[in-house]
């Protein structure tokens, strides 16, 4: 038998409410998988005042909250090979934005913003061992590196494409140390027939 959970979102008295119903085994799986991606959403919900337990009829609820606090506090190093691969993927996305910009400015702009977003996520994960919630990303960057935060705000406000491209390049330099393709090599992966 598979253990799974469910979730739904509703408005209650005009307040948005998300309700999650999950067995303990599913919650523990969320802890592990979200930690592996440096985004401990479920642990954060249970460990802070953000989430509220509505029904506590079993000691497992308290145990999960204690475990969640441990997952939130936990910081594991990001393997160098994984860092390099992520840096490469984001740098390549930035290069794609530059390639497209001249013939399709709208697509180039979308790719540019995606690449800058990836740069900021990379920087947080590298330096904080954690990717903040989307709505907290820029504030986290500004605390981590005020100059980088200033560059991002200037990029958002830049009226001309040339200025946006220049600022995005400065952001790439500050986060990735690269502006596109660079040589790298992945480790050997086992292939199972």
N, C-alpha and C. Protein backbone atom coordinates (compact mmCIF):
# COMPACT_ATOMS: atom_id res chain seq x y z
N UNK A 1 0.84 -1.18 0.00
CA UNK A 1 0.00 0.00 0.00
C UNK A 1 0.88 1.25 0.00
N UNK A 2 0.59 2.20 -0.85
CA UNK A 2 1.32 3.47 -0.90
C UNK A 2 0.74 4.45 0.10
N UNK A 3 1.63 5.18 0.74
CA UNK A 3 1.19 6.25 1.62
C UNK A 3 1.28 7.54 0.84
N UNK A 4 0.20 8.26 0.83
CA UNK A 4 0.23 9.54 0.14
C UNK A 4 -0.60 10.52 0.93
N UNK A 5 -0.51 11.75 0.53
CA UNK A 5 -1.24 12.79 1.21
C UNK A 5 -2.05 13.59 0.23
N UNK A 6 -2.69 14.60 0.75
CA UNK A 6 -3.45 15.49 -0.13
C UNK A 6 -3.34 16.91 0.41
N UNK A 7 -3.66 17.82 -0.45
CA UNK A 7 -3.62 19.23 -0.08
C UNK A 7 -4.74 19.94 -0.82
N UNK A 8 -5.24 21.00 -0.23
CA UNK A 8 -6.18 21.85 -0.94
C UNK A 8 -6.09 23.25 -0.39
N UNK A 9 -6.48 24.19 -1.21
CA UNK A 9 -6.46 25.60 -0.85
C UNK A 9 -7.88 26.15 -0.91
N UNK A 10 -8.22 26.92 0.10
CA UNK A 10 -9.55 27.53 0.17
C UNK A 10 -9.42 28.92 0.78
N UNK A 11 -10.47 29.69 0.65
CA UNK A 11 -10.57 30.95 1.39
C UNK A 11 -11.52 30.69 2.55
N UNK A 12 -11.13 31.10 3.73
CA UNK A 12 -11.99 31.02 4.91
C UNK A 12 -12.10 32.42 5.49
N UNK A 13 -13.30 32.97 5.44
CA UNK A 13 -13.54 34.34 5.91
C UNK A 13 -12.60 35.32 5.23
N UNK A 14 -12.36 35.10 3.94
CA UNK A 14 -11.51 35.99 3.16
C UNK A 14 -10.01 35.78 3.32
N UNK A 15 -9.62 34.78 4.10
CA UNK A 15 -8.20 34.50 4.34
C UNK A 15 -7.83 33.24 3.56
N UNK A 16 -6.75 33.31 2.75
CA UNK A 16 -6.33 32.10 2.03
C UNK A 16 -5.78 31.06 3.01
N UNK A 17 -6.24 29.83 2.86
CA UNK A 17 -5.83 28.75 3.76
C UNK A 17 -5.42 27.56 2.90
N UNK A 18 -4.24 27.00 3.20
CA UNK A 18 -3.81 25.76 2.56
C UNK A 18 -3.85 24.67 3.61
N UNK A 19 -4.46 23.56 3.27
CA UNK A 19 -4.59 22.45 4.22
C UNK A 19 -3.89 21.24 3.62
N UNK A 20 -3.01 20.64 4.41
CA UNK A 20 -2.25 19.47 3.99
C UNK A 20 -2.62 18.31 4.90
N UNK A 21 -2.96 17.19 4.31
CA UNK A 21 -3.27 15.99 5.07
C UNK A 21 -2.32 14.91 4.57
N UNK A 22 -1.36 14.55 5.42
CA UNK A 22 -0.30 13.63 5.02
C UNK A 22 0.02 12.65 6.13
N UNK A 23 0.28 11.40 5.79
CA UNK A 23 0.79 10.48 6.81
C UNK A 23 2.25 10.83 7.13
N UNK A 24 2.70 10.42 8.30
CA UNK A 24 4.05 10.76 8.77
C UNK A 24 5.12 10.33 7.76
N UNK A 25 4.95 9.18 7.14
CA UNK A 25 5.96 8.70 6.20
C UNK A 25 6.10 9.66 5.01
N UNK A 26 5.00 10.23 4.57
CA UNK A 26 5.05 11.19 3.45
C UNK A 26 5.73 12.48 3.90
N UNK A 27 5.43 12.94 5.10
CA UNK A 27 6.05 14.17 5.60
C UNK A 27 7.56 13.97 5.71
N UNK A 28 7.98 12.83 6.19
CA UNK A 28 9.42 12.56 6.31
C UNK A 28 10.08 12.51 4.92
N UNK A 29 9.38 11.99 3.95
CA UNK A 29 9.90 12.01 2.56
C UNK A 29 10.05 13.44 2.07
N UNK A 30 9.07 14.29 2.38
CA UNK A 30 9.16 15.70 1.99
C UNK A 30 10.38 16.34 2.64
N UNK A 31 10.60 16.07 3.94
CA UNK A 31 11.77 16.62 4.61
C UNK A 31 13.04 16.29 3.84
N UNK A 32 13.19 15.03 3.49
CA UNK A 32 14.41 14.58 2.81
C UNK A 32 14.55 15.17 1.41
N UNK A 33 13.50 15.09 0.61
CA UNK A 33 13.61 15.56 -0.77
C UNK A 33 13.76 17.08 -0.84
N UNK A 34 13.05 17.79 0.00
CA UNK A 34 13.16 19.25 0.01
C UNK A 34 14.52 19.69 0.53
N UNK A 35 15.06 18.97 1.50
CA UNK A 35 16.41 19.28 1.99
C UNK A 35 17.43 19.07 0.88
N UNK A 36 17.27 18.00 0.12
CA UNK A 36 18.21 17.71 -0.98
C UNK A 36 18.23 18.83 -2.01
N UNK A 37 17.10 19.50 -2.20
CA UNK A 37 17.04 20.62 -3.16
C UNK A 37 17.27 21.97 -2.48
N UNK A 38 17.64 21.95 -1.19
CA UNK A 38 17.92 23.16 -0.40
C UNK A 38 16.70 24.06 -0.24
N UNK A 39 15.50 23.47 -0.31
CA UNK A 39 14.25 24.21 -0.14
C UNK A 39 13.36 23.49 0.87
N UNK A 40 13.61 23.65 2.16
CA UNK A 40 12.87 22.89 3.18
C UNK A 40 11.50 23.49 3.51
N UNK A 41 10.61 23.48 2.54
CA UNK A 41 9.30 24.12 2.68
C UNK A 41 8.48 23.46 3.78
N UNK A 42 8.34 22.15 3.73
CA UNK A 42 7.51 21.45 4.70
C UNK A 42 8.09 21.59 6.10
N UNK A 43 9.40 21.43 6.23
CA UNK A 43 10.04 21.58 7.54
C UNK A 43 9.81 22.99 8.08
N UNK A 44 9.92 23.98 7.20
CA UNK A 44 9.70 25.37 7.63
C UNK A 44 8.27 25.57 8.12
N UNK A 45 7.30 24.99 7.40
CA UNK A 45 5.90 25.13 7.82
C UNK A 45 5.67 24.55 9.21
N UNK A 46 6.26 23.39 9.48
CA UNK A 46 6.04 22.75 10.77
C UNK A 46 6.90 23.34 11.89
N UNK A 47 8.07 23.84 11.57
CA UNK A 47 9.01 24.30 12.59
C UNK A 47 8.78 25.75 13.02
N UNK A 48 8.01 26.49 12.25
CA UNK A 48 7.80 27.91 12.56
C UNK A 48 6.32 28.18 12.74
N UNK A 49 6.01 29.40 13.05
CA UNK A 49 4.61 29.80 13.24
C UNK A 49 3.87 29.91 11.92
N UNK A 50 4.57 29.68 10.79
CA UNK A 50 3.92 29.76 9.49
C UNK A 50 2.83 28.71 9.36
N UNK A 51 3.10 27.51 9.85
CA UNK A 51 2.12 26.42 9.77
C UNK A 51 1.49 26.18 11.14
N UNK A 52 0.23 25.75 11.13
CA UNK A 52 -0.49 25.48 12.37
C UNK A 52 -1.08 24.08 12.26
N UNK A 53 -0.81 23.25 13.24
CA UNK A 53 -1.39 21.90 13.29
C UNK A 53 -2.82 22.03 13.78
N UNK A 54 -3.76 21.52 13.00
CA UNK A 54 -5.17 21.63 13.36
C UNK A 54 -5.65 20.47 14.23
N UNK A 55 -5.07 19.30 14.03
CA UNK A 55 -5.52 18.13 14.77
C UNK A 55 -4.31 17.34 15.24
N UNK A 56 -4.16 17.18 16.54
CA UNK A 56 -3.00 16.50 17.12
C UNK A 56 -3.50 15.41 18.05
N UNK A 57 -3.73 14.23 17.48
CA UNK A 57 -4.23 13.11 18.28
C UNK A 57 -3.18 12.03 18.49
N UNK A 58 -1.96 12.29 18.06
CA UNK A 58 -0.95 11.25 18.10
C UNK A 58 0.40 11.88 18.42
N UNK A 59 1.23 11.20 19.20
CA UNK A 59 2.55 11.75 19.51
C UNK A 59 3.43 11.96 18.28
N UNK A 60 3.06 11.37 17.15
CA UNK A 60 3.86 11.55 15.93
C UNK A 60 3.87 13.01 15.49
N UNK A 61 2.83 13.75 15.80
CA UNK A 61 2.77 15.16 15.40
C UNK A 61 3.90 15.93 16.09
N UNK A 62 4.04 15.77 17.38
CA UNK A 62 5.13 16.43 18.10
C UNK A 62 6.49 15.97 17.61
N UNK A 63 6.61 14.68 17.30
CA UNK A 63 7.87 14.14 16.79
C UNK A 63 8.21 14.77 15.44
N UNK A 64 7.20 14.93 14.57
CA UNK A 64 7.44 15.54 13.27
C UNK A 64 7.85 17.01 13.41
N UNK A 65 7.24 17.72 14.34
CA UNK A 65 7.61 19.12 14.56
C UNK A 65 9.07 19.20 15.04
N UNK A 66 9.45 18.33 15.94
CA UNK A 66 10.85 18.30 16.42
C UNK A 66 11.80 17.96 15.27
N UNK A 67 11.42 16.98 14.45
CA UNK A 67 12.25 16.63 13.29
C UNK A 67 12.34 17.80 12.32
N UNK A 68 11.23 18.50 12.13
CA UNK A 68 11.22 19.65 11.22
C UNK A 68 12.21 20.71 11.69
N UNK A 69 12.25 20.97 12.98
CA UNK A 69 13.21 21.95 13.51
C UNK A 69 14.65 21.53 13.19
N UNK A 70 14.90 20.24 13.30
CA UNK A 70 16.23 19.72 12.95
C UNK A 70 16.55 19.91 11.48
N UNK A 71 15.58 19.66 10.62
CA UNK A 71 15.80 19.83 9.17
C UNK A 71 16.02 21.30 8.83
N UNK A 72 15.29 22.21 9.48
CA UNK A 72 15.46 23.64 9.20
C UNK A 72 16.85 24.10 9.61
N UNK A 73 17.34 23.58 10.72
CA UNK A 73 18.66 24.00 11.22
C UNK A 73 19.81 23.34 10.45
N UNK A 74 19.52 22.25 9.79
CA UNK A 74 20.57 21.46 9.14
C UNK A 74 21.12 22.17 7.90
N UNK A 75 22.43 22.18 7.79
CA UNK A 75 23.12 22.74 6.62
C UNK A 75 24.14 21.72 6.15
N UNK A 76 23.94 21.20 4.97
CA UNK A 76 24.88 20.26 4.39
C UNK A 76 25.63 20.94 3.26
N UNK A 77 26.91 20.62 3.10
CA UNK A 77 27.65 21.23 1.99
C UNK A 77 27.07 20.81 0.64
N UNK A 78 27.13 21.71 -0.31
CA UNK A 78 26.68 21.44 -1.67
C UNK A 78 27.86 20.85 -2.41
N UNK A 79 27.76 19.63 -2.90
CA UNK A 79 28.91 19.01 -3.57
C UNK A 79 29.44 19.88 -4.72
N UNK A 80 30.76 19.98 -4.79
CA UNK A 80 31.42 20.84 -5.79
C UNK A 80 30.97 20.50 -7.21
N UNK A 81 30.84 19.22 -7.52
CA UNK A 81 30.44 18.84 -8.88
C UNK A 81 29.03 19.34 -9.19
N UNK A 82 28.13 19.29 -8.21
CA UNK A 82 26.76 19.78 -8.41
C UNK A 82 26.75 21.30 -8.55
N UNK A 83 27.60 21.98 -7.77
CA UNK A 83 27.72 23.44 -7.90
C UNK A 83 28.17 23.83 -9.29
N UNK A 84 29.19 23.13 -9.78
CA UNK A 84 29.73 23.45 -11.10
C UNK A 84 28.69 23.23 -12.18
N UNK A 85 27.97 22.13 -12.09
CA UNK A 85 26.94 21.85 -13.08
C UNK A 85 25.86 22.93 -13.06
N UNK A 86 25.41 23.31 -11.88
CA UNK A 86 24.37 24.35 -11.78
C UNK A 86 24.89 25.69 -12.32
N UNK A 87 26.12 26.02 -11.98
CA UNK A 87 26.74 27.26 -12.47
C UNK A 87 26.78 27.25 -14.00
N UNK A 88 27.13 26.11 -14.57
CA UNK A 88 27.19 25.98 -16.03
C UNK A 88 25.81 26.17 -16.65
N UNK A 89 24.80 25.51 -16.08
CA UNK A 89 23.45 25.61 -16.64
C UNK A 89 22.93 27.05 -16.61
N UNK A 90 23.20 27.76 -15.54
CA UNK A 90 22.73 29.14 -15.44
C UNK A 90 23.53 30.04 -16.38
N UNK A 91 24.83 29.82 -16.46
CA UNK A 91 25.66 30.62 -17.38
C UNK A 91 25.23 30.38 -18.83
N UNK A 92 24.89 29.15 -19.16
CA UNK A 92 24.43 28.83 -20.52
C UNK A 92 23.09 29.50 -20.81
N UNK A 93 22.21 29.57 -19.81
CA UNK A 93 20.93 30.25 -19.98
C UNK A 93 21.15 31.75 -20.23
N UNK A 94 22.09 32.33 -19.51
CA UNK A 94 22.44 33.74 -19.73
C UNK A 94 22.94 33.94 -21.17
N UNK A 95 23.80 33.03 -21.61
CA UNK A 95 24.32 33.11 -22.99
C UNK A 95 23.18 32.97 -24.00
N UNK A 96 22.23 32.10 -23.74
CA UNK A 96 21.06 31.96 -24.62
C UNK A 96 20.29 33.28 -24.70
N UNK A 97 20.14 33.96 -23.57
CA UNK A 97 19.45 35.25 -23.57
C UNK A 97 20.16 36.24 -24.48
N UNK A 98 21.49 36.28 -24.40
CA UNK A 98 22.25 37.19 -25.26
C UNK A 98 22.09 36.82 -26.73
N UNK A 99 22.11 35.52 -27.02
CA UNK A 99 21.96 35.05 -28.41
C UNK A 99 20.63 35.46 -29.01
N UNK A 100 19.58 35.40 -28.23
CA UNK A 100 18.22 35.64 -28.72
C UNK A 100 17.89 37.13 -28.75
N UNK A 101 18.51 37.90 -27.89
CA UNK A 101 18.10 39.29 -27.67
C UNK A 101 18.01 40.11 -28.95
N UNK A 102 18.98 39.97 -29.84
CA UNK A 102 19.00 40.78 -31.05
C UNK A 102 17.85 40.52 -32.00
N UNK A 103 17.34 39.30 -32.05
CA UNK A 103 16.28 38.99 -33.01
C UNK A 103 14.89 38.88 -32.37
N UNK A 104 14.84 38.71 -31.04
CA UNK A 104 13.55 38.61 -30.35
C UNK A 104 13.73 39.16 -28.94
N UNK A 105 13.56 40.46 -28.82
CA UNK A 105 13.83 41.15 -27.55
C UNK A 105 12.95 40.64 -26.41
N UNK A 106 11.70 40.30 -26.72
CA UNK A 106 10.81 39.81 -25.66
C UNK A 106 11.32 38.49 -25.11
N UNK A 107 11.67 37.55 -26.02
CA UNK A 107 12.19 36.26 -25.56
C UNK A 107 13.54 36.44 -24.87
N UNK A 108 14.37 37.32 -25.41
CA UNK A 108 15.66 37.59 -24.78
C UNK A 108 15.49 38.13 -23.37
N UNK A 109 14.51 39.01 -23.18
CA UNK A 109 14.25 39.56 -21.86
C UNK A 109 13.78 38.49 -20.89
N UNK A 110 12.87 37.61 -21.36
CA UNK A 110 12.41 36.51 -20.50
C UNK A 110 13.58 35.62 -20.09
N UNK A 111 14.41 35.25 -21.05
CA UNK A 111 15.57 34.40 -20.73
C UNK A 111 16.55 35.12 -19.81
N UNK A 112 16.72 36.41 -20.04
CA UNK A 112 17.63 37.19 -19.19
C UNK A 112 17.15 37.16 -17.74
N UNK A 113 15.86 37.39 -17.53
CA UNK A 113 15.33 37.36 -16.16
C UNK A 113 15.41 35.97 -15.56
N UNK A 114 15.14 34.94 -16.36
CA UNK A 114 15.27 33.56 -15.85
C UNK A 114 16.71 33.29 -15.43
N UNK A 115 17.67 33.76 -16.24
CA UNK A 115 19.07 33.52 -15.91
C UNK A 115 19.47 34.29 -14.66
N UNK A 116 19.03 35.53 -14.52
CA UNK A 116 19.36 36.31 -13.32
C UNK A 116 18.74 35.64 -12.10
N UNK A 117 17.52 35.18 -12.22
CA UNK A 117 16.88 34.46 -11.12
C UNK A 117 17.72 33.24 -10.75
N UNK A 118 18.16 32.49 -11.74
CA UNK A 118 19.02 31.33 -11.49
C UNK A 118 20.33 31.72 -10.82
N UNK A 119 20.89 32.86 -11.21
CA UNK A 119 22.12 33.34 -10.59
C UNK A 119 21.92 33.61 -9.10
N UNK A 120 20.79 34.23 -8.77
CA UNK A 120 20.50 34.55 -7.37
C UNK A 120 20.26 33.28 -6.55
N UNK A 121 19.53 32.33 -7.13
CA UNK A 121 19.32 31.06 -6.44
C UNK A 121 20.65 30.34 -6.21
N UNK A 122 21.50 30.34 -7.23
CA UNK A 122 22.82 29.71 -7.11
C UNK A 122 23.61 30.35 -5.98
N UNK A 123 23.62 31.68 -5.94
CA UNK A 123 24.41 32.39 -4.92
C UNK A 123 23.90 32.05 -3.52
N UNK A 124 22.59 32.03 -3.34
CA UNK A 124 22.03 31.68 -2.03
C UNK A 124 22.39 30.26 -1.64
N UNK A 125 22.21 29.34 -2.57
CA UNK A 125 22.49 27.94 -2.22
C UNK A 125 23.97 27.76 -1.91
N UNK A 126 24.83 28.40 -2.70
CA UNK A 126 26.27 28.27 -2.47
C UNK A 126 26.68 28.86 -1.13
N UNK A 127 26.20 30.06 -0.83
CA UNK A 127 26.68 30.77 0.35
C UNK A 127 25.87 30.51 1.61
N UNK A 128 24.60 30.20 1.47
CA UNK A 128 23.73 30.00 2.63
C UNK A 128 23.33 28.53 2.84
N UNK A 129 23.68 27.67 1.87
CA UNK A 129 23.26 26.27 1.87
C UNK A 129 21.75 26.15 1.93
N UNK A 130 21.07 27.15 1.41
CA UNK A 130 19.62 27.19 1.46
C UNK A 130 19.12 28.11 0.38
N UNK A 131 18.02 27.74 -0.24
CA UNK A 131 17.35 28.61 -1.20
C UNK A 131 16.14 29.19 -0.48
N UNK A 132 16.08 30.51 -0.34
CA UNK A 132 14.95 31.11 0.38
C UNK A 132 13.65 30.98 -0.40
N UNK A 133 12.56 31.21 0.31
CA UNK A 133 11.26 31.25 -0.36
C UNK A 133 11.32 32.31 -1.45
N UNK A 134 10.58 32.10 -2.52
CA UNK A 134 10.61 33.02 -3.67
C UNK A 134 10.41 34.46 -3.25
N UNK A 135 9.44 34.70 -2.39
CA UNK A 135 9.14 36.08 -2.01
C UNK A 135 10.20 36.68 -1.09
N UNK A 136 11.12 35.87 -0.58
CA UNK A 136 12.19 36.36 0.27
C UNK A 136 13.55 36.41 -0.44
N UNK A 137 13.58 36.03 -1.71
CA UNK A 137 14.86 35.90 -2.42
C UNK A 137 15.64 37.20 -2.46
N UNK A 138 15.04 38.28 -2.91
CA UNK A 138 15.78 39.53 -3.06
C UNK A 138 16.23 40.06 -1.70
N UNK A 139 15.38 39.97 -0.69
CA UNK A 139 15.77 40.42 0.66
C UNK A 139 16.96 39.60 1.16
N UNK A 140 16.95 38.30 0.88
CA UNK A 140 18.07 37.44 1.29
C UNK A 140 19.35 37.85 0.57
N UNK A 141 19.22 38.14 -0.72
CA UNK A 141 20.39 38.58 -1.50
C UNK A 141 20.91 39.90 -0.95
N UNK A 142 20.03 40.83 -0.63
CA UNK A 142 20.46 42.13 -0.12
C UNK A 142 21.18 42.01 1.22
N UNK A 143 20.76 41.07 2.06
CA UNK A 143 21.47 40.84 3.32
C UNK A 143 22.82 40.18 3.07
N UNK A 144 22.85 39.25 2.14
CA UNK A 144 24.07 38.50 1.82
C UNK A 144 25.11 39.37 1.12
N UNK A 145 24.65 40.17 0.15
CA UNK A 145 25.56 40.96 -0.69
C UNK A 145 24.83 42.23 -1.13
N UNK A 146 24.92 43.29 -0.35
CA UNK A 146 24.17 44.52 -0.67
C UNK A 146 24.44 45.04 -2.09
N UNK A 147 25.67 44.93 -2.56
CA UNK A 147 25.97 45.41 -3.92
C UNK A 147 25.22 44.59 -4.96
N UNK A 148 25.15 43.30 -4.77
CA UNK A 148 24.39 42.45 -5.69
C UNK A 148 22.91 42.84 -5.66
N UNK A 149 22.38 43.09 -4.48
CA UNK A 149 20.99 43.55 -4.38
C UNK A 149 20.78 44.85 -5.12
N UNK A 150 21.73 45.77 -5.02
CA UNK A 150 21.63 47.04 -5.74
C UNK A 150 21.62 46.82 -7.24
N UNK A 151 22.47 45.89 -7.73
CA UNK A 151 22.51 45.59 -9.17
C UNK A 151 21.17 45.03 -9.65
N UNK A 152 20.56 44.15 -8.86
CA UNK A 152 19.28 43.57 -9.25
C UNK A 152 18.20 44.64 -9.30
N UNK A 153 18.18 45.52 -8.32
CA UNK A 153 17.17 46.59 -8.32
C UNK A 153 17.40 47.55 -9.48
N UNK A 154 18.66 47.82 -9.80
CA UNK A 154 18.96 48.68 -10.95
C UNK A 154 18.53 48.00 -12.25
N UNK A 155 18.72 46.68 -12.34
CA UNK A 155 18.29 45.94 -13.53
C UNK A 155 16.78 46.06 -13.72
N UNK A 156 16.04 45.93 -12.65
CA UNK A 156 14.58 46.02 -12.73
C UNK A 156 14.15 47.41 -13.21
N UNK A 157 14.89 48.44 -12.81
CA UNK A 157 14.50 49.80 -13.13
C UNK A 157 15.10 50.32 -14.44
N UNK A 158 16.03 49.58 -15.02
CA UNK A 158 16.74 50.06 -16.22
C UNK A 158 15.78 50.20 -17.40
N UNK A 159 15.74 51.39 -18.02
CA UNK A 159 14.81 51.60 -19.12
C UNK A 159 15.30 51.05 -20.46
N UNK A 160 16.60 50.95 -20.65
CA UNK A 160 17.13 50.57 -21.96
C UNK A 160 17.69 49.16 -21.94
N UNK A 161 17.50 48.45 -23.04
CA UNK A 161 17.98 47.07 -23.17
C UNK A 161 19.49 46.98 -22.94
N UNK A 162 20.24 47.91 -23.48
CA UNK A 162 21.70 47.86 -23.33
C UNK A 162 22.10 47.94 -21.87
N UNK A 163 21.41 48.77 -21.11
CA UNK A 163 21.71 48.90 -19.68
C UNK A 163 21.34 47.62 -18.94
N UNK A 164 20.19 47.01 -19.29
CA UNK A 164 19.79 45.75 -18.66
C UNK A 164 20.81 44.66 -18.94
N UNK A 165 21.28 44.59 -20.18
CA UNK A 165 22.28 43.58 -20.53
C UNK A 165 23.58 43.80 -19.76
N UNK A 166 24.00 45.05 -19.63
CA UNK A 166 25.22 45.37 -18.88
C UNK A 166 25.08 44.99 -17.41
N UNK A 167 23.94 45.32 -16.82
CA UNK A 167 23.71 44.99 -15.41
C UNK A 167 23.63 43.49 -15.20
N UNK A 168 22.96 42.77 -16.11
CA UNK A 168 22.88 41.31 -16.00
C UNK A 168 24.27 40.70 -16.09
N UNK A 169 25.13 41.26 -16.94
CA UNK A 169 26.52 40.78 -17.02
C UNK A 169 27.26 40.99 -15.72
N UNK A 170 27.05 42.13 -15.07
CA UNK A 170 27.69 42.40 -13.78
C UNK A 170 27.17 41.43 -12.71
N UNK A 171 25.88 41.10 -12.79
CA UNK A 171 25.30 40.14 -11.84
C UNK A 171 25.90 38.75 -12.09
N UNK A 172 26.07 38.39 -13.35
CA UNK A 172 26.69 37.10 -13.68
C UNK A 172 28.12 37.05 -13.12
N UNK A 173 28.85 38.12 -13.31
CA UNK A 173 30.23 38.16 -12.79
C UNK A 173 30.25 37.98 -11.28
N UNK A 174 29.31 38.62 -10.61
CA UNK A 174 29.30 38.61 -9.14
C UNK A 174 28.80 37.30 -8.56
N UNK A 175 27.96 36.57 -9.30
CA UNK A 175 27.38 35.33 -8.76
C UNK A 175 28.07 34.08 -9.31
N UNK A 176 28.28 34.05 -10.61
CA UNK A 176 28.80 32.85 -11.27
C UNK A 176 30.28 32.94 -11.60
N UNK A 177 30.76 34.15 -11.80
CA UNK A 177 32.13 34.32 -12.28
C UNK A 177 32.27 33.93 -13.74
N UNK A 178 31.16 33.79 -14.43
CA UNK A 178 31.13 33.38 -15.84
C UNK A 178 29.98 34.10 -16.53
N UNK A 179 30.11 34.23 -17.87
CA UNK A 179 29.03 34.84 -18.65
C UNK A 179 28.60 33.94 -19.81
N UNK A 180 28.74 32.69 -19.67
CA UNK A 180 28.33 31.78 -20.73
C UNK A 180 29.14 30.51 -20.67
N UNK A 181 29.28 29.89 -21.81
CA UNK A 181 29.97 28.61 -21.91
C UNK A 181 31.32 28.65 -21.21
N UNK A 182 31.60 27.62 -20.44
CA UNK A 182 32.95 27.42 -19.90
C UNK A 182 33.19 25.92 -19.83
N UNK A 183 34.44 25.54 -19.88
CA UNK A 183 34.78 24.12 -19.85
C UNK A 183 34.57 23.55 -18.46
N UNK A 184 34.00 22.37 -18.42
CA UNK A 184 33.84 21.64 -17.18
C UNK A 184 33.64 20.18 -17.51
N UNK A 185 33.74 19.33 -16.54
CA UNK A 185 33.59 17.89 -16.79
C UNK A 185 32.81 17.28 -15.63
N UNK A 186 31.81 16.51 -15.99
CA UNK A 186 31.04 15.83 -14.95
C UNK A 186 31.81 14.60 -14.50
N UNK A 187 31.44 14.07 -13.38
CA UNK A 187 32.03 12.81 -12.93
C UNK A 187 31.49 11.66 -13.77
N UNK A 188 32.08 10.53 -13.61
CA UNK A 188 31.63 9.33 -14.33
C UNK A 188 30.36 8.81 -13.66
N UNK A 189 29.35 8.58 -14.47
CA UNK A 189 28.08 8.06 -13.96
C UNK A 189 27.96 6.59 -14.34
N UNK A 190 27.51 5.79 -13.37
CA UNK A 190 27.28 4.38 -13.64
C UNK A 190 26.05 4.23 -14.51
N UNK A 191 26.14 3.39 -15.52
CA UNK A 191 25.01 3.12 -16.40
C UNK A 191 24.58 1.67 -16.16
N UNK A 192 23.35 1.53 -15.75
CA UNK A 192 22.82 0.20 -15.47
C UNK A 192 22.07 -0.28 -16.71
N UNK A 193 22.47 -1.45 -17.27
CA UNK A 193 21.80 -1.94 -18.48
C UNK A 193 20.34 -2.32 -18.21
